[in-house]
Amino acid sequence: GSLRLSCAASGRTFSEYDMGWFRQAPGKERQFVTAIS
């Protein structure tokens, strides 16, 4: 199946910063998923 996650940002000029997604499964370290410039 499919899911779409969203992340709403505030507090800094959003368009100036790269954004990323990480994930953490139970008992595991946080791991990189993806990033966008």
ModelCIF file with pLDDT and N, C-alpha, C, O atoms, coordinates in Angstrom:
data_MODEL
#
_entry.id   MODEL 
#
_entity.id                         1 
_entity.type                       polymer 
_entity.pdbx_number_of_molecules   1 
#
_entity_poly.entity_id                      1 
_entity_poly.type                           'polypeptide(L)' 
_entity_poly.nstd_linkage                   no 
_entity_poly.nstd_monomer                   no 
_entity_poly.pdbx_seq_one_letter_code       GSLRLSCAASGRTFSEYDMGWFRQAPGKERQFVTAIS 
_entity_poly.pdbx_seq_one_letter_code_can   GSLRLSCAASGRTFSEYDMGWFRQAPGKERQFVTAIS 
_entity_poly.pdbx_strand_id                 A 
#
loop_
_entity_poly_seq.entity_id 
_entity_poly_seq.num 
_entity_poly_seq.mon_id 
_entity_poly_seq.hetero 
1 1  GLY n 
1 2  SER n 
1 3  LEU n 
1 4  ARG n 
1 5  LEU n 
1 6  SER n 
1 7  CYS n 
1 8  ALA n 
1 9  ALA n 
1 10 SER n 
1 11 GLY n 
1 12 ARG n 
1 13 THR n 
1 14 PHE n 
1 15 SER n 
1 16 GLU n 
1 17 TYR n 
1 18 ASP n 
1 19 MET n 
1 20 GLY n 
1 21 TRP n 
1 22 PHE n 
1 23 ARG n 
1 24 GLN n 
1 25 ALA n 
1 26 PRO n 
1 27 GLY n 
1 28 LYS n 
1 29 GLU n 
1 30 ARG n 
1 31 GLN n 
1 32 PHE n 
1 33 VAL n 
1 34 THR n 
1 35 ALA n 
1 36 ILE n 
1 37 SER n 
#
_struct_asym.id          A 
_struct_asym.entity_id   1 
#
loop_
_ma_qa_metric.id 
_ma_qa_metric.mode 
_ma_qa_metric.name 
_ma_qa_metric.software_group_id 
_ma_qa_metric.type 
1 global pLDDT . pLDDT 
2 local  pLDDT . pLDDT 
#
_ma_qa_metric_global.metric_id      1 
_ma_qa_metric_global.metric_value   97.16 
_ma_qa_metric_global.model_id       1 
_ma_qa_metric_global.ordinal_id     1 
#
loop_
_ma_qa_metric_local.label_asym_id 
_ma_qa_metric_local.label_comp_id 
_ma_qa_metric_local.label_seq_id 
_ma_qa_metric_local.metric_id 
_ma_qa_metric_local.metric_value 
_ma_qa_metric_local.model_id 
_ma_qa_metric_local.ordinal_id 
A GLY 1  2 98.00 1 1  
A SER 2  2 98.00 1 2  
A LEU 3  2 98.00 1 3  
A ARG 4  2 98.00 1 4  
A LEU 5  2 98.00 1 5  
A SER 6  2 98.00 1 6  
A CYS 7  2 98.00 1 7  
A ALA 8  2 98.00 1 8  
A ALA 9  2 98.00 1 9  
A SER 10 2 96.00 1 10 
A GLY 11 2 95.00 1 11 
A ARG 12 2 95.00 1 12 
A THR 13 2 96.00 1 13 
A PHE 14 2 97.00 1 14 
A SER 15 2 97.00 1 15 
A GLU 16 2 97.00 1 16 
A TYR 17 2 98.00 1 17 
A ASP 18 2 98.00 1 18 
A MET 19 2 98.00 1 19 
A GLY 20 2 98.00 1 20 
A TRP 21 2 98.00 1 21 
A PHE 22 2 98.00 1 22 
A ARG 23 2 98.00 1 23 
A GLN 24 2 98.00 1 24 
A ALA 25 2 96.00 1 25 
A PRO 26 2 91.00 1 26 
A GLY 27 2 94.00 1 27 
A LYS 28 2 96.00 1 28 
A GLU 29 2 96.00 1 29 
A ARG 30 2 97.00 1 30 
A GLN 31 2 98.00 1 31 
A PHE 32 2 98.00 1 32 
A VAL 33 2 98.00 1 33 
A THR 34 2 98.00 1 34 
A ALA 35 2 98.00 1 35 
A ILE 36 2 98.00 1 36 
A SER 37 2 98.00 1 37 
#
loop_
_atom_site.group_PDB 
_atom_site.id 
_atom_site.type_symbol 
_atom_site.label_atom_id 
_atom_site.label_alt_id 
_atom_site.label_comp_id 
_atom_site.label_asym_id 
_atom_site.label_entity_id 
_atom_site.label_seq_id 
_atom_site.pdbx_PDB_ins_code 
_atom_site.Cartn_x 
_atom_site.Cartn_y 
_atom_site.Cartn_z 
_atom_site.occupancy 
_atom_site.B_iso_or_equiv 
_atom_site.pdbx_formal_charge 
_atom_site.auth_seq_id 
_atom_site.auth_comp_id 
_atom_site.auth_asym_id 
_atom_site.auth_atom_id 
_atom_site.pdbx_PDB_model_num 
ATOM 1   N N  . GLY A 1 1  ? 0.808  -1.209 0.000  1.00 98.00 ? 1  GLY A N  1 
ATOM 2   C CA . GLY A 1 1  ? 0.000  0.000  0.000  1.00 98.00 ? 1  GLY A CA 1 
ATOM 3   C C  . GLY A 1 1  ? 0.845  1.264  0.000  1.00 98.00 ? 1  GLY A C  1 
ATOM 4   O O  . GLY A 1 1  ? 2.070  1.222  -0.103 1.00 98.00 ? 1  GLY A O  1 
ATOM 5   N N  . SER A 1 2  ? 0.147  2.395  0.120  1.00 98.00 ? 2  SER A N  1 
ATOM 6   C CA . SER A 1 2  ? 0.793  3.704  0.046  1.00 98.00 ? 2  SER A CA 1 
ATOM 7   C C  . SER A 1 2  ? 0.340  4.593  1.190  1.00 98.00 ? 2  SER A C  1 
ATOM 8   O O  . SER A 1 2  ? -0.761 4.448  1.719  1.00 98.00 ? 2  SER A O  1 
ATOM 9   N N  . LEU A 1 3  ? 1.208  5.508  1.555  1.00 98.00 ? 3  LEU A N  1 
ATOM 10  C CA . LEU A 1 3  ? 0.900  6.563  2.508  1.00 98.00 ? 3  LEU A CA 1 
ATOM 11  C C  . LEU A 1 3  ? 1.627  7.825  2.072  1.00 98.00 ? 3  LEU A C  1 
ATOM 12  O O  . LEU A 1 3  ? 2.670  7.761  1.423  1.00 98.00 ? 3  LEU A O  1 
ATOM 13  N N  . ARG A 1 4  ? 1.068  8.967  2.434  1.00 98.00 ? 4  ARG A N  1 
ATOM 14  C CA . ARG A 1 4  ? 1.727  10.245 2.165  1.00 98.00 ? 4  ARG A CA 1 
ATOM 15  C C  . ARG A 1 4  ? 1.867  10.993 3.479  1.00 98.00 ? 4  ARG A C  1 
ATOM 16  O O  . ARG A 1 4  ? 0.876  11.321 4.132  1.00 98.00 ? 4  ARG A O  1 
ATOM 17  N N  . LEU A 1 5  ? 3.105  11.257 3.856  1.00 98.00 ? 5  LEU A N  1 
ATOM 18  C CA . LEU A 1 5  ? 3.379  12.042 5.049  1.00 98.00 ? 5  LEU A CA 1 
ATOM 19  C C  . LEU A 1 5  ? 3.556  13.508 4.671  1.00 98.00 ? 5  LEU A C  1 
ATOM 20  O O  . LEU A 1 5  ? 4.050  13.838 3.593  1.00 98.00 ? 5  LEU A O  1 
ATOM 21  N N  . SER A 1 6  ? 3.144  14.367 5.577  1.00 98.00 ? 6  SER A N  1 
ATOM 22  C CA . SER A 1 6  ? 3.349  15.802 5.409  1.00 98.00 ? 6  SER A CA 1 
ATOM 23  C C  . SER A 1 6  ? 4.069  16.346 6.634  1.00 98.00 ? 6  SER A C  1 
ATOM 24  O O  . SER A 1 6  ? 3.962  15.798 7.731  1.00 98.00 ? 6  SER A O  1 
ATOM 25  N N  . CYS A 1 7  ? 4.800  17.427 6.431  1.00 98.00 ? 7  CYS A N  1 
ATOM 26  C CA . CYS A 1 7  ? 5.483  18.091 7.541  1.00 98.00 ? 7  CYS A CA 1 
ATOM 27  C C  . CYS A 1 7  ? 5.366  19.593 7.317  1.00 98.00 ? 7  CYS A C  1 
ATOM 28  O O  . CYS A 1 7  ? 5.913  20.140 6.360  1.00 98.00 ? 7  CYS A O  1 
ATOM 29  N N  . ALA A 1 8  ? 4.648  20.242 8.216  1.00 98.00 ? 8  ALA A N  1 
ATOM 30  C CA . ALA A 1 8  ? 4.473  21.692 8.143  1.00 98.00 ? 8  ALA A CA 1 
ATOM 31  C C  . ALA A 1 8  ? 5.510  22.365 9.029  1.00 98.00 ? 8  ALA A C  1 
ATOM 32  O O  . ALA A 1 8  ? 5.658  22.026 10.203 1.00 98.00 ? 8  ALA A O  1 
ATOM 33  N N  . ALA A 1 9  ? 6.231  23.330 8.447  1.00 98.00 ? 9  ALA A N  1 
ATOM 34  C CA . ALA A 1 9  ? 7.318  23.987 9.160  1.00 98.00 ? 9  ALA A CA 1 
ATOM 35  C C  . ALA A 1 9  ? 6.994  25.446 9.442  1.00 98.00 ? 9  ALA A C  1 
ATOM 36  O O  . ALA A 1 9  ? 6.305  26.108 8.666  1.00 98.00 ? 9  ALA A O  1 
ATOM 37  N N  . SER A 1 10 ? 7.497  25.926 10.551 1.00 96.00 ? 10 SER A N  1 
ATOM 38  C CA . SER A 1 10 ? 7.374  27.347 10.882 1.00 96.00 ? 10 SER A CA 1 
ATOM 39  C C  . SER A 1 10 ? 8.583  27.768 11.699 1.00 96.00 ? 10 SER A C  1 
ATOM 40  O O  . SER A 1 10 ? 9.260  26.941 12.310 1.00 96.00 ? 10 SER A O  1 
ATOM 41  N N  . GLY A 1 11 ? 8.846  29.097 11.700 1.00 95.00 ? 11 GLY A N  1 
ATOM 42  C CA . GLY A 1 11 ? 9.891  29.618 12.557 1.00 95.00 ? 11 GLY A CA 1 
ATOM 43  C C  . GLY A 1 11 ? 11.138 30.107 11.858 1.00 95.00 ? 11 GLY A C  1 
ATOM 44  O O  . GLY A 1 11 ? 11.839 30.974 12.381 1.00 95.00 ? 11 GLY A O  1 
ATOM 45  N N  . ARG A 1 12 ? 11.437 29.561 10.663 1.00 95.00 ? 12 ARG A N  1 
ATOM 46  C CA . ARG A 1 12 ? 12.557 30.057 9.862  1.00 95.00 ? 12 ARG A CA 1 
ATOM 47  C C  . ARG A 1 12 ? 12.081 30.153 8.421  1.00 95.00 ? 12 ARG A C  1 
ATOM 48  O O  . ARG A 1 12 ? 11.036 29.606 8.069  1.00 95.00 ? 12 ARG A O  1 
ATOM 49  N N  . THR A 1 13 ? 12.838 30.840 7.599  1.00 96.00 ? 13 THR A N  1 
ATOM 50  C CA . THR A 1 13 ? 12.464 30.954 6.190  1.00 96.00 ? 13 THR A CA 1 
ATOM 51  C C  . THR A 1 13 ? 12.643 29.591 5.541  1.00 96.00 ? 13 THR A C  1 
ATOM 52  O O  . THR A 1 13 ? 13.759 29.168 5.241  1.00 96.00 ? 13 THR A O  1 
ATOM 53  N N  . PHE A 1 14 ? 11.537 28.922 5.335  1.00 97.00 ? 14 PHE A N  1 
ATOM 54  C CA . PHE A 1 14 ? 11.519 27.522 4.907  1.00 97.00 ? 14 PHE A CA 1 
ATOM 55  C C  . PHE A 1 14 ? 12.338 27.300 3.645  1.00 97.00 ? 14 PHE A C  1 
ATOM 56  O O  . PHE A 1 14 ? 13.083 26.325 3.543  1.00 97.00 ? 14 PHE A O  1 
ATOM 57  N N  . SER A 1 15 ? 12.200 28.195 2.697  1.00 97.00 ? 15 SER A N  1 
ATOM 58  C CA . SER A 1 15 ? 12.824 28.010 1.385  1.00 97.00 ? 15 SER A CA 1 
ATOM 59  C C  . SER A 1 15 ? 14.344 28.116 1.407  1.00 97.00 ? 15 SER A C  1 
ATOM 60  O O  . SER A 1 15 ? 14.981 27.938 0.369  1.00 97.00 ? 15 SER A O  1 
ATOM 61  N N  . GLU A 1 16 ? 14.940 28.401 2.560  1.00 97.00 ? 16 GLU A N  1 
ATOM 62  C CA . GLU A 1 16 ? 16.399 28.535 2.661  1.00 97.00 ? 16 GLU A CA 1 
ATOM 63  C C  . GLU A 1 16 ? 17.082 27.262 3.154  1.00 97.00 ? 16 GLU A C  1 
ATOM 64  O O  . GLU A 1 16 ? 18.310 27.179 3.166  1.00 97.00 ? 16 GLU A O  1 
ATOM 65  N N  . TYR A 1 17 ? 16.283 26.264 3.562  1.00 98.00 ? 17 TYR A N  1 
ATOM 66  C CA . TYR A 1 17 ? 16.848 25.096 4.242  1.00 98.00 ? 17 TYR A CA 1 
ATOM 67  C C  . TYR A 1 17 ? 16.474 23.787 3.561  1.00 98.00 ? 17 TYR A C  1 
ATOM 68  O O  . TYR A 1 17 ? 15.335 23.583 3.141  1.00 98.00 ? 17 TYR A O  1 
ATOM 69  N N  . ASP A 1 18 ? 17.482 22.891 3.462  1.00 98.00 ? 18 ASP A N  1 
ATOM 70  C CA . ASP A 1 18 ? 17.191 21.519 3.081  1.00 98.00 ? 18 ASP A CA 1 
ATOM 71  C C  . ASP A 1 18 ? 16.274 20.902 4.130  1.00 98.00 ? 18 ASP A C  1 
ATOM 72  O O  . ASP A 1 18 ? 16.280 21.292 5.297  1.00 98.00 ? 18 ASP A O  1 
ATOM 73  N N  . MET A 1 19 ? 15.489 19.932 3.683  1.00 98.00 ? 19 MET A N  1 
ATOM 74  C CA . MET A 1 19 ? 14.623 19.184 4.594  1.00 98.00 ? 19 MET A CA 1 
ATOM 75  C C  . MET A 1 19 ? 14.899 17.693 4.446  1.00 98.00 ? 19 MET A C  1 
ATOM 76  O O  . MET A 1 19 ? 15.315 17.232 3.383  1.00 98.00 ? 19 MET A O  1 
ATOM 77  N N  . GLY A 1 20 ? 14.669 16.954 5.506  1.00 98.00 ? 20 GLY A N  1 
ATOM 78  C CA . GLY A 1 20 ? 14.911 15.520 5.451  1.00 98.00 ? 20 GLY A CA 1 
ATOM 79  C C  . GLY A 1 20 ? 13.869 14.732 6.212  1.00 98.00 ? 20 GLY A C  1 
ATOM 80  O O  . GLY A 1 20 ? 13.112 15.265 7.022  1.00 98.00 ? 20 GLY A O  1 
ATOM 81  N N  . TRP A 1 21 ? 13.860 13.439 5.921  1.00 98.00 ? 21 TRP A N  1 
ATOM 82  C CA . TRP A 1 21 ? 13.053 12.473 6.675  1.00 98.00 ? 21 TRP A CA 1 
ATOM 83  C C  . TRP A 1 21 ? 13.983 11.375 7.178  1.00 98.00 ? 21 TRP A C  1 
ATOM 84  O O  . TRP A 1 21 ? 14.805 10.838 6.435  1.00 98.00 ? 21 TRP A O  1 
ATOM 85  N N  . PHE A 1 22 ? 13.831 11.058 8.457  1.00 98.00 ? 22 PHE A N  1 
ATOM 86  C CA . PHE A 1 22 ? 14.519 9.935  9.074  1.00 98.00 ? 22 PHE A CA 1 
ATOM 87  C C  . PHE A 1 22 ? 13.444 9.016  9.657  1.00 98.00 ? 22 PHE A C  1 
ATOM 88  O O  . PHE A 1 22 ? 12.284 9.409  9.779  1.00 98.00 ? 22 PHE A O  1 
ATOM 89  N N  . ARG A 1 23 ? 13.834 7.801  10.012 1.00 98.00 ? 23 ARG A N  1 
ATOM 90  C CA . ARG A 1 23 ? 12.895 6.897  10.661 1.00 98.00 ? 23 ARG A CA 1 
ATOM 91  C C  . ARG A 1 23 ? 13.619 6.081  11.717 1.00 98.00 ? 23 ARG A C  1 
ATOM 92  O O  . ARG A 1 23 ? 14.829 5.868  11.654 1.00 98.00 ? 23 ARG A O  1 
ATOM 93  N N  . GLN A 1 24 ? 12.830 5.630  12.696 1.00 98.00 ? 24 GLN A N  1 
ATOM 94  C CA . GLN A 1 24 ? 13.378 4.814  13.770 1.00 98.00 ? 24 GLN A CA 1 
ATOM 95  C C  . GLN A 1 24 ? 12.418 3.687  14.094 1.00 98.00 ? 24 GLN A C  1 
ATOM 96  O O  . GLN A 1 24 ? 11.281 3.918  14.506 1.00 98.00 ? 24 GLN A O  1 
ATOM 97  N N  . ALA A 1 25 ? 12.886 2.474  13.903 1.00 96.00 ? 25 ALA A N  1 
ATOM 98  C CA . ALA A 1 25 ? 12.110 1.292  14.243 1.00 96.00 ? 25 ALA A CA 1 
ATOM 99  C C  . ALA A 1 25 ? 12.422 0.890  15.682 1.00 96.00 ? 25 ALA A C  1 
ATOM 100 O O  . ALA A 1 25 ? 13.476 1.253  16.204 1.00 96.00 ? 25 ALA A O  1 
ATOM 101 N N  . PRO A 1 26 ? 11.523 0.147  16.335 1.00 91.00 ? 26 PRO A N  1 
ATOM 102 C CA . PRO A 1 26 ? 11.762 -0.265 17.730 1.00 91.00 ? 26 PRO A CA 1 
ATOM 103 C C  . PRO A 1 26 ? 13.080 -1.018 17.865 1.00 91.00 ? 26 PRO A C  1 
ATOM 104 O O  . PRO A 1 26 ? 13.360 -1.950 17.111 1.00 91.00 ? 26 PRO A O  1 
ATOM 105 N N  . GLY A 1 27 ? 13.881 -0.599 18.836 1.00 94.00 ? 27 GLY A N  1 
ATOM 106 C CA . GLY A 1 27 ? 15.145 -1.263 19.098 1.00 94.00 ? 27 GLY A CA 1 
ATOM 107 C C  . GLY A 1 27 ? 16.254 -0.963 18.121 1.00 94.00 ? 27 GLY A C  1 
ATOM 108 O O  . GLY A 1 27 ? 17.327 -1.563 18.192 1.00 94.00 ? 27 GLY A O  1 
ATOM 109 N N  . LYS A 1 28 ? 16.008 -0.037 17.205 1.00 96.00 ? 28 LYS A N  1 
ATOM 110 C CA . LYS A 1 28 ? 17.024 0.285  16.200 1.00 96.00 ? 28 LYS A CA 1 
ATOM 111 C C  . LYS A 1 28 ? 17.381 1.761  16.259 1.00 96.00 ? 28 LYS A C  1 
ATOM 112 O O  . LYS A 1 28 ? 16.642 2.572  16.818 1.00 96.00 ? 28 LYS A O  1 
ATOM 113 N N  . GLU A 1 29 ? 18.527 2.098  15.672 1.00 96.00 ? 29 GLU A N  1 
ATOM 114 C CA . GLU A 1 29 ? 18.934 3.492  15.618 1.00 96.00 ? 29 GLU A CA 1 
ATOM 115 C C  . GLU A 1 29 ? 18.136 4.242  14.553 1.00 96.00 ? 29 GLU A C  1 
ATOM 116 O O  . GLU A 1 29 ? 17.602 3.655  13.612 1.00 96.00 ? 29 GLU A O  1 
ATOM 117 N N  . ARG A 1 30 ? 18.078 5.550  14.735 1.00 97.00 ? 30 ARG A N  1 
ATOM 118 C CA . ARG A 1 30 ? 17.421 6.387  13.735 1.00 97.00 ? 30 ARG A CA 1 
ATOM 119 C C  . ARG A 1 30 ? 18.228 6.323  12.449 1.00 97.00 ? 30 ARG A C  1 
ATOM 120 O O  . ARG A 1 30 ? 19.457 6.393  12.475 1.00 97.00 ? 30 ARG A O  1 
ATOM 121 N N  . GLN A 1 31 ? 17.535 6.192  11.326 1.00 98.00 ? 31 GLN A N  1 
ATOM 122 C CA . GLN A 1 31 ? 18.227 6.081  10.046 1.00 98.00 ? 31 GLN A CA 1 
ATOM 123 C C  . GLN A 1 31 ? 17.682 7.064  9.030  1.00 98.00 ? 31 GLN A C  1 
ATOM 124 O O  . GLN A 1 31 ? 16.506 7.425  9.042  1.00 98.00 ? 31 GLN A O  1 
ATOM 125 N N  . PHE A 1 32 ? 18.570 7.480  8.159  1.00 98.00 ? 32 PHE A N  1 
ATOM 126 C CA . PHE A 1 32 ? 18.219 8.407  7.085  1.00 98.00 ? 32 PHE A CA 1 
ATOM 127 C C  . PHE A 1 32 ? 17.290 7.744  6.086  1.00 98.00 ? 32 PHE A C  1 
ATOM 128 O O  . PHE A 1 32 ? 17.460 6.575  5.742  1.00 98.00 ? 32 PHE A O  1 
ATOM 129 N N  . VAL A 1 33 ? 16.304 8.502  5.623  1.00 98.00 ? 33 VAL A N  1 
ATOM 130 C CA . VAL A 1 33 ? 15.390 8.015  4.585  1.00 98.00 ? 33 VAL A CA 1 
ATOM 131 C C  . VAL A 1 33 ? 15.599 8.801  3.294  1.00 98.00 ? 33 VAL A C  1 
ATOM 132 O O  . VAL A 1 33 ? 15.867 8.220  2.242  1.00 98.00 ? 33 VAL A O  1 
ATOM 133 N N  . THR A 1 34 ? 15.473 10.131 3.382  1.00 98.00 ? 34 THR A N  1 
ATOM 134 C CA . THR A 1 34 ? 15.579 10.947 2.186  1.00 98.00 ? 34 THR A CA 1 
ATOM 135 C C  . THR A 1 34 ? 15.767 12.408 2.567  1.00 98.00 ? 34 THR A C  1 
ATOM 136 O O  . THR A 1 34 ? 15.474 12.803 3.696  1.00 98.00 ? 34 THR A O  1 
ATOM 137 N N  . ALA A 1 35 ? 16.257 13.210 1.624  1.00 98.00 ? 35 ALA A N  1 
ATOM 138 C CA . ALA A 1 35 ? 16.411 14.646 1.827  1.00 98.00 ? 35 ALA A CA 1 
ATOM 139 C C  . ALA A 1 35 ? 16.138 15.371 0.519  1.00 98.00 ? 35 ALA A C  1 
ATOM 140 O O  . ALA A 1 35 ? 16.257 14.806 -0.568 1.00 98.00 ? 35 ALA A O  1 
ATOM 141 N N  . ILE A 1 36 ? 15.770 16.637 0.655  1.00 98.00 ? 36 ILE A N  1 
ATOM 142 C CA . ILE A 1 36 ? 15.509 17.486 -0.515 1.00 98.00 ? 36 ILE A CA 1 
ATOM 143 C C  . ILE A 1 36 ? 16.168 18.834 -0.281 1.00 98.00 ? 36 ILE A C  1 
ATOM 144 O O  . ILE A 1 36 ? 16.172 19.351 0.836  1.00 98.00 ? 36 ILE A O  1 
ATOM 145 N N  . SER A 1 37 ? 16.721 19.392 -1.336 1.00 98.00 ? 37 SER A N  1 
ATOM 146 C CA . SER A 1 37 ? 17.429 20.659 -1.218 1.00 98.00 ? 37 SER A CA 1 
ATOM 147 C C  . SER A 1 37 ? 16.463 21.812 -0.973 1.00 98.00 ? 37 SER A C  1 
ATOM 148 O O  . SER A 1 37 ? 16.891 22.960 -0.847 1.00 98.00 ? 37 SER A O  1 
#
